[in-house]
């Protein structure tokens, strides 16, 4: 997949809500160790205000991830569960999962990795 193909595969605008067990600001976002007990348990929710994935309109839908990071975020070994808006059609669900599991490349694929 070329960079040009990835750039036109999905176009999303929306909001992110993140809460976790770290103190004040989550250090995981910048590659630092979780503070507190050394793990980070979080919920991230992405609400798509406007967007399409490979021609499928996903506007007005959300996808959430519940994750357990057992140490430094860059070390891996995460456990993650994804939850997709139950108002999505099968096509919209597949489209959102393709983006947020990294299958379509781009910036979101970096997070999914």
N, C-alpha and C. Protein backbone atom coordinates (compact mmCIF):
# COMPACT_ATOMS: atom_id res chain seq x y z
N UNK A 1 0.85 -1.16 0.00
CA UNK A 1 0.00 0.00 0.00
C UNK A 1 0.90 1.24 0.00
N UNK A 2 0.67 2.15 -0.91
CA UNK A 2 1.49 3.35 -0.97
C UNK A 2 0.96 4.39 0.00
N UNK A 3 1.80 5.39 0.29
CA UNK A 3 1.38 6.48 1.18
C UNK A 3 0.18 7.20 0.58
N UNK A 4 0.15 7.33 -0.74
CA UNK A 4 -0.97 8.01 -1.40
C UNK A 4 -2.26 7.21 -1.20
N UNK A 5 -2.20 5.90 -1.32
CA UNK A 5 -3.38 5.06 -1.13
C UNK A 5 -3.89 5.18 0.30
N UNK A 6 -2.98 5.13 1.27
CA UNK A 6 -3.37 5.23 2.67
C UNK A 6 -4.05 6.56 2.94
N UNK A 7 -3.50 7.64 2.38
CA UNK A 7 -4.04 8.97 2.64
C UNK A 7 -5.48 9.10 2.17
N UNK A 8 -5.87 8.35 1.16
CA UNK A 8 -7.24 8.48 0.64
C UNK A 8 -8.15 7.34 1.10
N UNK A 9 -7.65 6.41 1.90
CA UNK A 9 -8.44 5.26 2.34
C UNK A 9 -9.46 5.65 3.39
N UNK A 10 -9.08 6.51 4.33
CA UNK A 10 -10.04 6.97 5.33
C UNK A 10 -9.79 8.44 5.66
N UNK A 11 -10.87 9.11 6.03
CA UNK A 11 -10.82 10.52 6.40
C UNK A 11 -11.78 10.68 7.57
N UNK A 12 -11.23 10.92 8.76
CA UNK A 12 -12.05 10.99 9.96
C UNK A 12 -11.80 12.28 10.72
N UNK A 13 -12.85 12.88 11.23
CA UNK A 13 -12.77 14.01 12.15
C UNK A 13 -13.63 13.66 13.34
N UNK A 14 -13.12 13.95 14.53
CA UNK A 14 -13.93 13.63 15.70
C UNK A 14 -13.26 14.00 16.98
N UNK A 15 -13.68 13.33 18.03
CA UNK A 15 -13.20 13.63 19.37
C UNK A 15 -12.67 12.37 20.05
N UNK A 16 -11.70 12.59 20.93
CA UNK A 16 -11.10 11.50 21.70
C UNK A 16 -11.31 11.79 23.17
N UNK A 17 -11.76 10.80 23.90
CA UNK A 17 -11.83 10.87 25.36
C UNK A 17 -10.96 9.76 25.90
N UNK A 18 -10.03 10.11 26.79
CA UNK A 18 -9.14 9.10 27.36
C UNK A 18 -9.13 9.28 28.86
N UNK A 19 -9.32 8.19 29.57
CA UNK A 19 -9.19 8.18 31.03
C UNK A 19 -8.34 6.97 31.39
N UNK A 20 -7.53 7.13 32.43
CA UNK A 20 -6.69 6.00 32.84
C UNK A 20 -6.37 6.10 34.32
N UNK A 21 -5.67 5.10 34.79
CA UNK A 21 -5.33 5.01 36.20
C UNK A 21 -4.04 5.76 36.56
N UNK A 22 -3.40 6.40 35.59
CA UNK A 22 -2.19 7.17 35.88
C UNK A 22 -2.57 8.48 36.57
N UNK A 23 -1.58 9.10 37.18
CA UNK A 23 -1.81 10.37 37.87
C UNK A 23 -1.87 11.52 36.87
N UNK A 24 -2.77 12.42 37.05
CA UNK A 24 -2.98 13.65 36.29
C UNK A 24 -2.96 13.43 34.77
N UNK A 25 -1.79 13.39 34.15
CA UNK A 25 -1.66 13.16 32.71
C UNK A 25 -0.98 11.83 32.49
N UNK A 26 -1.48 11.06 31.55
CA UNK A 26 -0.93 9.73 31.30
C UNK A 26 0.46 9.84 30.65
N UNK A 27 1.50 9.33 31.31
CA UNK A 27 2.84 9.38 30.73
C UNK A 27 3.03 8.42 29.56
N UNK A 28 2.10 7.50 29.38
CA UNK A 28 2.22 6.53 28.28
C UNK A 28 2.20 7.21 26.92
N UNK A 29 1.49 8.34 26.81
CA UNK A 29 1.40 9.05 25.53
C UNK A 29 2.76 9.50 25.01
N UNK A 30 3.73 9.65 25.91
CA UNK A 30 5.06 10.09 25.49
C UNK A 30 6.12 9.01 25.75
N UNK A 31 5.70 7.77 25.90
CA UNK A 31 6.62 6.66 26.01
C UNK A 31 7.25 6.46 27.38
N UNK A 32 6.73 7.13 28.39
CA UNK A 32 7.25 6.97 29.74
C UNK A 32 6.53 5.83 30.46
N UNK A 33 7.11 5.36 31.56
CA UNK A 33 6.48 4.32 32.36
C UNK A 33 5.23 4.85 33.03
N UNK A 34 4.21 4.00 33.19
CA UNK A 34 3.02 4.43 33.93
C UNK A 34 3.40 4.77 35.37
N UNK A 35 2.77 5.82 35.90
CA UNK A 35 3.04 6.14 37.30
C UNK A 35 2.04 5.40 38.18
N UNK A 36 2.16 5.53 39.45
CA UNK A 36 1.28 4.78 40.34
C UNK A 36 1.82 3.38 40.58
N UNK A 37 1.03 2.37 40.23
CA UNK A 37 1.43 0.98 40.51
C UNK A 37 2.24 0.33 39.38
N UNK A 38 2.64 1.11 38.37
CA UNK A 38 3.47 0.57 37.28
C UNK A 38 2.70 0.00 36.12
N UNK A 39 1.37 0.05 36.19
CA UNK A 39 0.54 -0.38 35.06
C UNK A 39 -0.40 0.77 34.70
N UNK A 40 -0.92 0.71 33.51
CA UNK A 40 -1.89 1.71 33.06
C UNK A 40 -3.12 0.97 32.55
N UNK A 41 -4.24 1.21 33.17
CA UNK A 41 -5.51 0.67 32.71
C UNK A 41 -6.31 1.86 32.19
N UNK A 42 -6.75 1.76 30.94
CA UNK A 42 -7.38 2.94 30.34
C UNK A 42 -8.57 2.57 29.46
N UNK A 43 -9.34 3.60 29.20
CA UNK A 43 -10.42 3.53 28.22
C UNK A 43 -10.24 4.72 27.29
N UNK A 44 -10.22 4.44 26.01
CA UNK A 44 -10.14 5.49 25.00
C UNK A 44 -11.39 5.38 24.14
N UNK A 45 -12.05 6.48 23.94
CA UNK A 45 -13.23 6.49 23.09
C UNK A 45 -13.05 7.50 21.97
N UNK A 46 -13.27 7.06 20.75
CA UNK A 46 -13.20 7.94 19.58
C UNK A 46 -14.61 8.10 19.04
N UNK A 47 -15.11 9.34 18.96
CA UNK A 47 -16.41 9.63 18.38
C UNK A 47 -16.15 10.31 17.04
N UNK A 48 -16.69 9.73 15.98
CA UNK A 48 -16.48 10.26 14.64
C UNK A 48 -17.59 11.28 14.34
N UNK A 49 -17.22 12.55 14.33
CA UNK A 49 -18.19 13.60 13.97
C UNK A 49 -18.51 13.52 12.48
N UNK A 50 -17.44 13.31 11.69
CA UNK A 50 -17.59 13.24 10.24
C UNK A 50 -16.51 12.32 9.72
N UNK A 51 -16.88 11.39 8.84
CA UNK A 51 -15.84 10.57 8.27
C UNK A 51 -16.32 9.44 7.39
N UNK A 52 -15.39 9.02 6.53
CA UNK A 52 -15.63 7.88 5.67
C UNK A 52 -14.42 6.96 5.73
N UNK A 53 -14.69 5.68 5.56
CA UNK A 53 -13.64 4.66 5.50
C UNK A 53 -13.90 3.87 4.24
N UNK A 54 -13.01 3.98 3.27
CA UNK A 54 -13.15 3.29 1.99
C UNK A 54 -14.56 3.48 1.42
N UNK A 55 -15.04 4.72 1.49
CA UNK A 55 -16.35 5.06 0.92
C UNK A 55 -17.54 4.80 1.83
N UNK A 56 -17.32 4.20 3.00
CA UNK A 56 -18.41 3.92 3.94
C UNK A 56 -18.51 5.08 4.93
N UNK A 57 -19.68 5.69 5.03
CA UNK A 57 -19.90 6.80 5.96
C UNK A 57 -19.99 6.25 7.39
N UNK A 58 -19.09 6.72 8.26
CA UNK A 58 -19.10 6.29 9.66
C UNK A 58 -19.38 7.47 10.60
N UNK A 59 -19.89 8.54 10.05
CA UNK A 59 -20.21 9.73 10.85
C UNK A 59 -21.22 9.39 11.93
N UNK A 60 -21.02 9.98 13.11
CA UNK A 60 -21.95 9.79 14.21
C UNK A 60 -21.81 8.49 14.96
N UNK A 61 -20.71 7.79 14.75
CA UNK A 61 -20.49 6.51 15.44
C UNK A 61 -19.22 6.57 16.27
N UNK A 62 -19.10 5.64 17.21
CA UNK A 62 -17.92 5.63 18.07
C UNK A 62 -17.34 4.23 18.17
N UNK A 63 -16.08 4.20 18.55
CA UNK A 63 -15.38 2.96 18.84
C UNK A 63 -14.54 3.23 20.08
N UNK A 64 -14.50 2.26 20.97
CA UNK A 64 -13.78 2.43 22.23
C UNK A 64 -12.81 1.27 22.44
N UNK A 65 -11.73 1.56 23.13
CA UNK A 65 -10.75 0.54 23.48
C UNK A 65 -10.56 0.56 24.99
N UNK A 66 -10.63 -0.60 25.59
CA UNK A 66 -10.28 -0.76 27.00
C UNK A 66 -8.95 -1.49 27.00
N UNK A 67 -7.95 -0.92 27.66
CA UNK A 67 -6.62 -1.53 27.58
C UNK A 67 -5.96 -1.65 28.94
N UNK A 68 -5.08 -2.65 29.02
CA UNK A 68 -4.22 -2.86 30.17
C UNK A 68 -2.79 -2.87 29.65
N UNK A 69 -2.00 -1.93 30.14
CA UNK A 69 -0.59 -1.83 29.73
C UNK A 69 0.24 -2.18 30.96
N UNK A 70 0.93 -3.33 30.93
CA UNK A 70 1.60 -3.84 32.13
C UNK A 70 3.01 -3.31 32.36
N UNK A 71 3.26 -2.09 31.97
CA UNK A 71 4.60 -1.51 32.13
C UNK A 71 4.76 -0.41 31.09
N UNK A 72 5.98 -0.23 30.59
CA UNK A 72 6.20 0.80 29.60
C UNK A 72 5.40 0.52 28.34
N UNK A 73 4.77 1.54 27.84
CA UNK A 73 3.89 1.42 26.68
C UNK A 73 4.61 0.87 25.45
N UNK A 74 5.89 1.18 25.32
CA UNK A 74 6.66 0.75 24.15
C UNK A 74 7.11 -0.70 24.24
N UNK A 75 7.00 -1.31 25.43
CA UNK A 75 7.43 -2.70 25.60
C UNK A 75 6.40 -3.71 25.10
N UNK A 76 5.19 -3.24 24.81
CA UNK A 76 4.16 -4.15 24.30
C UNK A 76 3.47 -4.92 25.40
N UNK A 77 2.97 -6.09 25.04
CA UNK A 77 2.25 -6.98 25.95
C UNK A 77 0.93 -6.39 26.45
N UNK A 78 0.35 -5.49 25.69
CA UNK A 78 -0.93 -4.91 26.04
C UNK A 78 -2.02 -5.96 25.92
N UNK A 79 -3.09 -5.77 26.66
CA UNK A 79 -4.34 -6.50 26.45
C UNK A 79 -5.38 -5.44 26.12
N UNK A 80 -6.08 -5.64 25.01
CA UNK A 80 -7.03 -4.64 24.54
C UNK A 80 -8.33 -5.30 24.11
N UNK A 81 -9.43 -4.66 24.47
CA UNK A 81 -10.75 -5.07 23.97
C UNK A 81 -11.35 -3.87 23.26
N UNK A 82 -11.85 -4.09 22.05
CA UNK A 82 -12.49 -3.03 21.28
C UNK A 82 -14.00 -3.18 21.35
N UNK A 83 -14.68 -2.06 21.47
CA UNK A 83 -16.14 -2.02 21.50
C UNK A 83 -16.60 -1.07 20.42
N UNK A 84 -17.47 -1.56 19.54
CA UNK A 84 -17.96 -0.75 18.42
C UNK A 84 -19.42 -0.39 18.67
N UNK A 85 -19.75 0.83 18.34
CA UNK A 85 -21.11 1.36 18.47
C UNK A 85 -22.13 0.35 17.94
N UNK A 86 -23.09 -0.03 18.77
CA UNK A 86 -24.06 -1.05 18.33
C UNK A 86 -25.09 -0.50 17.34
N UNK A 87 -25.02 0.79 17.05
CA UNK A 87 -25.88 1.37 16.02
C UNK A 87 -25.28 1.23 14.61
N UNK A 88 -24.05 0.73 14.55
CA UNK A 88 -23.37 0.56 13.26
C UNK A 88 -23.97 -0.61 12.48
N UNK A 89 -24.01 -0.44 11.18
CA UNK A 89 -24.31 -1.57 10.31
C UNK A 89 -23.09 -2.48 10.30
N UNK A 90 -23.23 -3.67 9.77
CA UNK A 90 -22.07 -4.58 9.66
C UNK A 90 -20.95 -3.93 8.86
N UNK A 91 -21.32 -3.21 7.80
CA UNK A 91 -20.34 -2.55 6.94
C UNK A 91 -19.60 -1.44 7.71
N UNK A 92 -20.33 -0.66 8.49
CA UNK A 92 -19.70 0.41 9.28
C UNK A 92 -18.81 -0.18 10.38
N UNK A 93 -19.25 -1.26 11.01
CA UNK A 93 -18.44 -1.90 12.04
C UNK A 93 -17.13 -2.40 11.45
N UNK A 94 -17.20 -3.07 10.33
CA UNK A 94 -15.99 -3.56 9.68
C UNK A 94 -15.07 -2.41 9.31
N UNK A 95 -15.64 -1.33 8.79
CA UNK A 95 -14.84 -0.16 8.39
C UNK A 95 -14.09 0.42 9.59
N UNK A 96 -14.79 0.62 10.70
CA UNK A 96 -14.14 1.17 11.90
C UNK A 96 -13.07 0.23 12.44
N UNK A 97 -13.37 -1.05 12.47
CA UNK A 97 -12.37 -2.03 12.95
C UNK A 97 -11.15 -2.06 12.04
N UNK A 98 -11.35 -1.93 10.73
CA UNK A 98 -10.21 -1.91 9.81
C UNK A 98 -9.29 -0.73 10.09
N UNK A 99 -9.86 0.42 10.42
CA UNK A 99 -9.02 1.58 10.75
C UNK A 99 -8.32 1.38 12.08
N UNK A 100 -9.10 1.09 13.13
CA UNK A 100 -8.56 1.11 14.49
C UNK A 100 -7.79 -0.14 14.89
N UNK A 101 -7.72 -1.14 14.02
CA UNK A 101 -6.81 -2.26 14.24
C UNK A 101 -5.55 -2.11 13.37
N UNK A 102 -5.46 -1.00 12.65
CA UNK A 102 -4.26 -0.69 11.89
C UNK A 102 -4.20 -1.28 10.50
N UNK A 103 -5.25 -1.94 10.05
CA UNK A 103 -5.22 -2.62 8.76
C UNK A 103 -5.16 -1.66 7.57
N UNK A 104 -5.53 -0.39 7.77
CA UNK A 104 -5.56 0.55 6.66
C UNK A 104 -4.39 1.54 6.70
N UNK A 105 -3.42 1.30 7.60
CA UNK A 105 -2.25 2.15 7.66
C UNK A 105 -2.54 3.53 8.23
N UNK A 106 -1.64 4.44 7.97
CA UNK A 106 -1.81 5.81 8.46
C UNK A 106 -1.45 5.95 9.93
N UNK A 107 -1.76 7.12 10.47
CA UNK A 107 -1.40 7.43 11.85
C UNK A 107 -2.06 6.50 12.86
N UNK A 108 -3.28 6.07 12.60
CA UNK A 108 -3.97 5.19 13.54
C UNK A 108 -3.27 3.83 13.61
N UNK A 109 -2.67 3.40 12.53
CA UNK A 109 -1.94 2.13 12.53
C UNK A 109 -0.76 2.17 13.50
N UNK A 110 -0.14 3.36 13.65
CA UNK A 110 0.96 3.50 14.61
C UNK A 110 0.47 3.22 16.02
N UNK A 111 -0.69 3.73 16.35
CA UNK A 111 -1.28 3.49 17.69
C UNK A 111 -1.65 2.02 17.83
N UNK A 112 -2.25 1.44 16.80
CA UNK A 112 -2.69 0.05 16.87
C UNK A 112 -1.51 -0.91 17.04
N UNK A 113 -0.35 -0.53 16.49
CA UNK A 113 0.83 -1.40 16.62
C UNK A 113 1.23 -1.54 18.06
